[in-house]
Structures are given as structure tokens and as C-alpha cells.
Protein backbone atom coordinates (compact mmCIF):
# COMPACT_ATOMS: atom_id res chain seq x y z
CA MET A 1 -15.73 1.62 14.12
CA GLU A 2 -16.63 3.35 10.84
CA LEU A 3 -14.06 4.91 8.49
CA PHE A 4 -15.10 8.49 9.23
CA ASP A 5 -14.92 7.84 12.96
CA LYS A 6 -11.17 7.53 12.36
CA ILE A 7 -10.54 10.22 9.77
CA PRO A 8 -12.02 13.71 9.20
CA GLU A 9 -15.13 14.00 7.04
CA ASN A 10 -13.39 16.29 4.54
CA PHE A 11 -10.12 14.34 4.44
CA PHE A 12 -10.44 13.28 0.79
CA THR A 13 -11.84 16.56 -0.55
CA VAL A 14 -8.42 17.92 -1.54
CA LEU A 15 -8.15 15.08 -4.08
CA SER A 16 -11.51 15.81 -5.72
CA ARG A 17 -11.05 19.53 -6.35
CA LYS A 18 -10.34 21.35 -9.62
CA TYR A 19 -6.68 21.65 -8.61
CA LYS A 20 -6.35 18.12 -7.25
CA ALA A 21 -3.02 17.68 -9.09
CA CYS A 22 -1.57 20.59 -7.07
CA TYR A 23 -2.75 19.07 -3.80
CA ALA A 24 -1.45 15.62 -4.76
CA PHE A 25 1.90 17.21 -5.58
CA ALA A 26 1.91 18.99 -2.20
CA LEU A 27 1.23 15.67 -0.46
CA MET A 28 4.07 13.93 -2.30
CA VAL A 29 6.44 16.74 -1.31
CA LEU A 30 5.20 16.31 2.27
CA PHE A 31 5.88 12.57 2.08
CA SER A 32 9.42 13.25 0.81
CA CYS A 33 9.98 15.71 3.67
CA LEU A 34 8.71 13.12 6.15
CA LYS A 35 11.25 10.60 4.87
CA LEU A 36 14.01 13.22 4.98
CA TYR A 37 13.33 14.88 8.35
CA LYS A 38 11.47 11.99 10.05
CA THR A 39 10.46 13.14 13.56
CA ASN A 40 12.00 16.60 13.15
CA LEU A 41 9.78 17.97 10.37
CA LYS A 42 9.44 21.74 10.67
CA LYS A 43 6.72 23.75 8.96
CA VAL A 44 9.32 26.09 7.47
CA ASP A 45 11.19 23.17 5.86
CA TYR A 46 8.01 21.88 4.22
CA ILE A 47 6.97 25.35 3.03
CA ASN A 48 10.42 25.94 1.53
CA ALA A 49 10.32 22.54 -0.20
CA LEU A 50 6.94 23.40 -1.74
CA LYS A 51 8.27 26.74 -2.99
CA ASN A 52 11.47 25.25 -4.39
CA GLN A 53 9.82 22.30 -6.11
CA GLY A 54 6.37 23.62 -6.95
CA GLU A 55 6.90 26.90 -8.78
CA LYS A 56 5.84 25.44 -12.13
CA ILE A 57 2.81 23.38 -11.01
CA PHE A 58 1.48 26.16 -8.75
CA GLU A 59 1.73 28.75 -11.54
CA LEU A 60 -1.81 28.00 -12.76
CA PHE A 61 -3.27 27.53 -9.26
CA ASN A 62 -5.98 30.10 -8.62
CA VAL A 63 -7.23 30.49 -5.06
CA ASP A 64 -10.57 32.06 -6.04
CA GLN A 65 -11.25 29.18 -8.43
CA ASP A 66 -10.22 26.67 -5.77
CA LYS A 67 -12.62 28.18 -3.25
CA LEU A 68 -15.51 27.43 -5.61
CA ASP A 69 -15.03 23.76 -4.68
CA ASP A 70 -15.60 24.49 -0.98
CA LYS A 71 -18.75 23.02 0.55
CA GLU A 72 -21.06 25.08 2.76
CA ASP A 73 -19.85 23.46 5.98
CA GLU A 74 -16.18 23.67 4.99
CA GLU A 75 -13.83 26.00 6.82
CA ASP A 76 -13.05 29.16 4.87
CA ILE A 77 -9.28 29.17 4.53
CA GLN A 78 -7.66 32.56 4.88
CA PHE A 79 -5.72 33.76 1.83
CA ASP A 80 -3.13 36.44 2.54
CA LEU A 81 -1.26 38.31 -0.17
CA GLU A 82 2.39 37.92 0.74
CA ASP A 83 5.72 38.96 -0.77
CA SER A 84 5.14 36.73 -3.79
CA ALA A 85 2.20 35.00 -5.43
CA LEU A 86 3.97 31.66 -4.93
CA SER A 87 4.30 32.19 -1.16
CA SER A 88 0.62 33.14 -0.93
CA LYS A 89 -0.49 30.03 -2.83
CA VAL A 90 1.81 27.68 -0.89
CA ASN A 91 0.61 28.95 2.48
CA TYR A 92 -3.01 28.69 1.37
CA ILE A 93 -2.49 25.06 0.26
CA PHE A 94 -0.71 24.32 3.54
CA ARG A 95 -3.64 25.71 5.58
CA LYS A 96 -6.08 23.71 3.46
CA LEU A 97 -4.17 20.46 4.20
CA VAL A 98 -4.22 21.32 7.91
CA SER A 99 -7.95 22.06 7.77
CA CYS A 100 -8.70 18.72 6.05
CA GLY A 101 -6.77 16.71 8.63
CA TRP A 102 -3.66 15.75 6.66
CA ILE A 103 -1.33 17.79 8.87
CA ASN A 104 -1.14 18.66 12.55
CA VAL A 105 0.97 21.67 13.59
CA GLU A 106 2.32 22.08 17.10
CA LYS A 107 4.58 24.84 18.35
CA ASN A 108 7.74 23.81 20.18
CA VAL A 109 7.66 26.25 23.11
CA GLU A 110 11.40 25.91 23.74
CA THR A 111 12.45 26.88 20.22
CA ASN A 112 9.28 28.74 19.16
CA THR A 113 9.27 26.55 16.02
CA ASP A 114 6.16 25.21 14.30
CA MET A 115 6.55 21.44 14.03
CA ILE A 116 4.57 19.17 11.70
CA TYR A 117 3.15 15.88 12.97
CA LEU A 118 1.17 13.57 10.73
CA PRO A 119 -1.69 11.25 11.76
CA VAL A 120 -1.31 7.55 10.96
CA TYR A 121 -4.08 7.65 8.36
CA SER A 122 -2.36 10.58 6.62
CA ILE A 123 0.97 8.74 6.34
CA LYS A 124 -0.72 5.57 5.11
CA MET A 125 -2.67 7.46 2.45
CA MET A 126 0.48 9.24 1.25
CA GLN A 127 2.23 5.88 1.05
CA LEU A 128 -0.60 4.61 -1.15
CA ILE A 129 -0.50 7.68 -3.40
CA ALA A 130 3.28 7.31 -3.72
CA GLU A 131 2.94 3.64 -4.66
CA LEU A 132 0.26 4.38 -7.26
CA SER A 133 2.35 7.21 -8.70
CA SER A 134 5.61 5.28 -8.78
CA SER A 135 6.89 3.74 -12.00
CA SER A 136 9.60 1.70 -10.29
CA ASP A 137 7.90 -0.54 -7.72
CA LEU A 138 10.16 -3.31 -6.47
CA TYR A 139 8.50 -6.72 -6.53
CA VAL A 140 8.61 -8.44 -3.14
CA PRO A 141 8.99 -12.23 -3.63
CA LEU A 142 6.44 -13.30 -1.02
CA VAL A 143 6.20 -16.94 -2.15
CA HIS A 144 9.94 -17.53 -1.95
CA GLN A 145 10.16 -15.51 1.27
CA THR A 146 7.44 -17.63 2.90
CA TYR A 147 9.10 -20.86 1.80
CA SER A 148 12.55 -19.73 3.00
CA GLU A 149 11.30 -18.64 6.43
CA LEU A 150 9.22 -21.77 7.00
CA SER A 151 12.03 -24.02 5.78
CA LEU A 152 14.48 -22.38 8.19
CA GLU A 153 12.12 -22.70 11.16
CA ASP A 154 11.28 -26.28 10.24
CA GLU A 155 14.97 -27.02 10.60
CA ARG A 156 15.71 -24.93 13.70
CA GLU A 157 12.43 -25.12 15.65
CA ASP A 158 13.49 -22.08 17.66
CA GLU A 159 11.55 -19.36 19.49
CA TYR A 160 10.50 -17.68 16.23
CA MET A 161 8.30 -20.50 14.95
CA PHE A 162 4.99 -18.82 15.73
CA ARG A 163 6.18 -15.46 14.35
CA THR A 164 7.10 -17.27 11.15
CA LEU A 165 3.69 -18.94 10.97
CA ALA A 166 1.97 -15.59 11.54
CA SER A 167 4.12 -14.06 8.79
CA ALA A 168 3.21 -16.91 6.42
CA ARG A 169 -0.48 -16.33 7.17
CA LYS A 170 -0.13 -12.61 6.45
CA ASN A 171 1.85 -13.29 3.26
CA ALA A 172 -0.86 -15.70 2.12
CA ASP A 173 -3.48 -12.94 2.32
CA GLU A 174 -1.22 -10.51 0.47
CA LEU A 175 -0.44 -13.10 -2.20
CA GLU A 176 -4.13 -13.82 -2.62
CA MET A 177 -4.73 -10.12 -3.28
CA ASN A 178 -1.75 -9.94 -5.67
CA VAL A 179 -3.05 -12.90 -7.68
CA THR A 180 -6.54 -11.36 -7.75
CA LEU A 181 -5.07 -8.02 -8.82
CA LEU A 182 -3.05 -9.70 -11.57
CA HIS A 183 -6.07 -11.58 -12.94
CA HIS A 184 -8.25 -8.46 -12.92
CA SER A 185 -5.49 -6.39 -14.56
CA ILE A 186 -5.08 -8.84 -17.44
CA CYS A 187 -8.86 -8.98 -17.96
CA VAL A 188 -9.15 -5.17 -17.90
CA PHE A 189 -6.41 -4.80 -20.52
CA GLY A 190 -8.15 -7.46 -22.61
CA PHE A 191 -11.45 -5.58 -22.30
CA ASN A 192 -9.79 -2.29 -23.27
CA LEU A 193 -8.17 -3.98 -26.26
CA ASN A 194 -11.62 -4.68 -27.70
CA LYS A 195 -12.25 -0.93 -27.81
CA LEU A 196 -9.07 -0.14 -29.76
CA TYR A 197 -9.40 -0.14 -33.54
CA ASP A 198 -6.00 1.32 -34.38
CA PRO A 199 -3.30 -1.42 -34.42
CA ASN A 200 -0.70 1.12 -33.29
CA GLU A 201 -2.78 1.98 -30.22
CA ALA A 202 -3.12 -1.73 -29.40
CA LEU A 203 0.64 -2.24 -29.69
CA ASN A 204 1.28 0.86 -27.59
CA GLN A 205 -1.06 -0.45 -24.87
CA HIS A 206 0.70 -3.81 -24.84
CA PHE A 207 4.36 -2.82 -25.04
CA ASN A 208 4.32 0.52 -23.21
CA ILE A 209 1.57 0.02 -20.63
CA PHE A 210 0.62 -3.63 -20.09
CA LYS A 211 4.20 -4.91 -20.26
CA HIS A 212 5.40 -2.32 -17.75
CA GLN A 213 2.44 -2.29 -15.32
CA VAL A 214 1.47 -5.97 -15.41
CA GLY A 215 3.78 -8.21 -17.41
CA ASP A 216 7.19 -7.20 -16.06
CA LYS A 217 5.97 -6.02 -12.66
CA LEU A 218 3.76 -8.96 -11.62
CA TYR A 219 3.28 -11.76 -14.14
CA HIS A 220 6.94 -12.42 -14.95
CA PRO A 221 8.14 -12.57 -11.29
CA MET A 222 5.24 -14.85 -10.31
CA LYS A 223 6.07 -17.15 -13.21
CA THR A 224 9.83 -17.31 -12.56
CA TYR A 225 11.77 -16.56 -9.39
CA ASP A 226 8.67 -16.26 -7.17
CA SER A 227 6.65 -19.03 -8.77
CA LEU A 228 3.73 -20.58 -6.92
CA GLY A 229 4.37 -23.66 -9.03
CA LEU A 230 7.85 -23.98 -7.53
CA TYR A 231 7.25 -23.06 -3.90
CA ALA A 232 3.57 -23.56 -3.05
CA SER A 233 3.86 -27.35 -2.65
CA PRO A 234 6.91 -27.20 -0.34
CA VAL A 235 5.17 -24.52 1.76
CA ILE A 236 2.05 -26.68 2.06
CA SER A 237 4.18 -29.72 2.89
CA ILE A 238 5.91 -27.96 5.81
CA LEU A 239 2.64 -26.58 7.18
CA LYS A 240 0.95 -29.99 7.00
CA LYS A 241 3.91 -31.55 8.78
CA TRP A 242 3.54 -29.01 11.60
CA GLN A 243 -0.20 -29.54 11.67
CA ARG A 244 0.18 -33.31 12.17
CA ASP A 245 2.79 -32.97 14.92
CA LYS A 246 1.12 -32.31 18.29
CA ARG A 247 4.48 -31.38 19.80
CA ILE A 248 5.00 -28.60 17.24
CA VAL A 249 1.41 -27.36 17.56
CA SER A 250 1.89 -27.20 21.33
CA LYS A 251 5.15 -25.29 20.85
CA LEU A 252 3.47 -22.83 18.49
CA ALA A 253 0.64 -22.30 20.97
CA SER A 254 3.12 -21.75 23.80
CA GLN A 255 4.91 -19.05 21.78
CA ALA A 256 1.59 -17.50 20.72
CA LYS A 257 0.70 -16.89 24.38
CA TYR A 258 3.34 -14.13 24.44
CA ASP A 259 1.40 -12.25 21.77
CA PRO A 260 -1.07 -9.71 23.26
CA GLU A 261 -3.80 -11.04 20.97
CA TYR A 262 -3.61 -14.50 22.56
CA ALA A 263 -2.27 -13.75 26.05
CA LYS A 264 -5.65 -13.85 27.81
CA LEU A 265 -7.00 -16.92 26.00
CA LYS A 266 -7.10 -20.42 27.44
CA VAL A 267 -4.40 -22.77 26.17
CA SER A 268 -6.99 -24.91 24.38
CA ASP A 269 -8.33 -21.83 22.59
CA VAL A 270 -4.82 -20.82 21.52
CA VAL A 271 -4.24 -24.32 20.14
CA ASP A 272 -7.46 -23.97 18.14
CA LYS A 273 -6.27 -20.60 16.81
CA VAL A 274 -2.91 -22.08 15.79
CA ASN A 275 -4.58 -24.99 14.00
CA LEU A 276 -6.91 -22.58 12.22
CA MET A 277 -3.96 -20.42 11.14
CA LEU A 278 -2.17 -23.49 9.78
CA GLN A 279 -5.24 -24.72 7.90
CA GLU A 280 -6.12 -21.31 6.44
CA THR A 281 -2.57 -20.83 5.15
CA ILE A 282 -2.58 -24.32 3.61
CA ASP A 283 -5.95 -23.67 1.97
CA ILE A 284 -4.89 -20.33 0.49
CA PHE A 285 -1.63 -21.66 -0.98
CA SER A 286 -3.47 -24.67 -2.40
CA LYS A 287 -6.08 -22.43 -4.01
CA LEU A 288 -3.56 -19.92 -5.34
CA ASN A 289 -1.56 -22.63 -7.05
CA SER A 290 -4.62 -23.69 -9.06
CA ASN A 291 -5.85 -20.11 -9.57
CA PHE A 292 -2.65 -19.23 -11.38
CA ASN A 293 -3.63 -21.65 -14.14
CA ASP A 294 -6.61 -19.37 -14.86
CA ILE A 295 -4.24 -16.40 -15.00
CA ASP A 296 -2.05 -18.21 -17.53
CA LYS A 297 -5.11 -18.80 -19.71
CA ALA A 298 -6.23 -15.16 -19.43
CA ASN A 299 -2.72 -13.94 -20.27
CA ALA A 300 -2.46 -16.29 -23.26
CA LYS A 301 -5.85 -15.08 -24.52
CA TYR A 302 -4.85 -11.43 -24.16
CA THR A 303 -1.44 -11.94 -25.82
CA GLU A 304 -3.03 -13.81 -28.71
CA ALA A 305 -5.53 -10.97 -29.22
CA VAL A 306 -2.71 -8.41 -29.41
């Protein structure tokens, strides 16, 4: 299935318009309302939140100018002059978000209240925007978490063994992306450094941007309390032990059969899937451990250049 079979064609257009900052703000207010009201999000509550929080940013919003960004096949959103200019703008922006597929509105016939319901893709995209906008992301220690969970299951051998293996496999993919992201980030900052001729600009990039976005947020945790150097080998050791033990592999396969993804497969096929999951996780952790050496070199090169 293609991306635009799942989401509306014009879904992203609100973020490519002249007033994209206003729409992004409206989406972040919507995300805050979702977290506050959860399954009881009323249209009136969202509209009031936009009015209360958005007076300053919506001051420069011009509906006529915004309409110039409309494409020929785009729905013409009604703009009604209301009691205040702010109310008019907020309701126009709300209708635009509905039109582009970010928001669904359904009337509760018992209370005659307009309720807001958000598609999965809308919530996920708002989560991404919130993460990219945030300056206080909490680092999740995936390496240590994986080691702790595997170590516990290695000791207990209870009914959560397969869930733990599946979690380790998922964490391995996420770690692989984090390591890739870290390497690319260091290289990008190094590339940008070559274009800076003012020493003060270079120092500002390093201490105010690189240190915050890359050094403190990713590099430092992955070198200290969530170090691949510390935990990758023990993780690999546990997984190899499970891989060699036919009894454990059989137990993992037996537990996997309760998962809808494996329920209809033959036992032999499930065993193959379990062995593949074990091997893939081992391979990724082995590769990541050596890949981090390249990151250390890139970081040292960048730091020296600063």
C-alpha cells in the first residue's frame, strides 16, 4: 500500500504554505489538547485553546494571503467574519485542518457537542513535529534496557522470553538508526564548520548547537551509561547462548505461536523465524559495536577542527 493510499493527498500542504508556522502552532496546540482531554476532546475546547494561546502568532495571519497557496483542486475554505478577527482566523485554520485530513469532527447526538477525533497518521505526525520542536528530549537507554531485559529472562526463563527477544530485535533496529543519525549529525556539523569563517560563529555552533543537539543528547549517553562498549558483548553472549540451546529455541517458538503474526505458521517455520530473529539481533549489535569506533573518529576530527 502506498503512502497516499493511507493519508489524504493534501495532508502535508498546511506545512508548506506561507503561514506554515501558524499551522504548525495550531497542530502543537491540538497535540497538547489531545494529551489533556484524551478521548473527550471537544471542538470548543480546542478552539478556545487556540484563541487563548495564539493571539500573538495569529496577529499577522492573513486569510486572503493564505488562500493564494491553495491549489486548483483544493477545497475552498469558507471564511466568515465573526465577533473578532482572532475568532475568524482560528475557525478558518480549524476548517483548513479538517479539510486536509488532520482532524475528524463528529457530533455527539446526545449532547449536541462537536467532538474531535484524530486519525492515527495525524497523531503520529504531531508526535514527530513535537519531538523535532522539543529542546528537552529524554534519552532512552536502549542498550542498557536490552541487556537488563535479556539478563533477567536468561535467569528466569519465564513466559516472557519471546516478548523480550522481540523487544531486543526492535531495540536493535532503533539503535542502528540512532547510531546512523549520530554519525550523520557529526559529519553535517563538520561540513558546516568548513563554511564558517568567523571563529565566534564556529564556537557558537559547537557550544550552543552541536553540544546541545548531538553531544549531550546522543554522544555522551552512548559513550557512558548506555555504552555499546559496555553492554553489546553481554547482549550478544546471552543471545548466542539461547541460539545454541535447542530447548530454549523450542520454548521461544512455543511462546511465539501465541503471537498473531506466527499463529498460523508451522512449528518448523516458527523455529526458523526465532533463529533468524536471534541471528539478526546478534549481527546488528556486533556491527554497532564496531561502527561506534568510526563515530569516535568523526567526533574527534570535528572537535579538533573547532
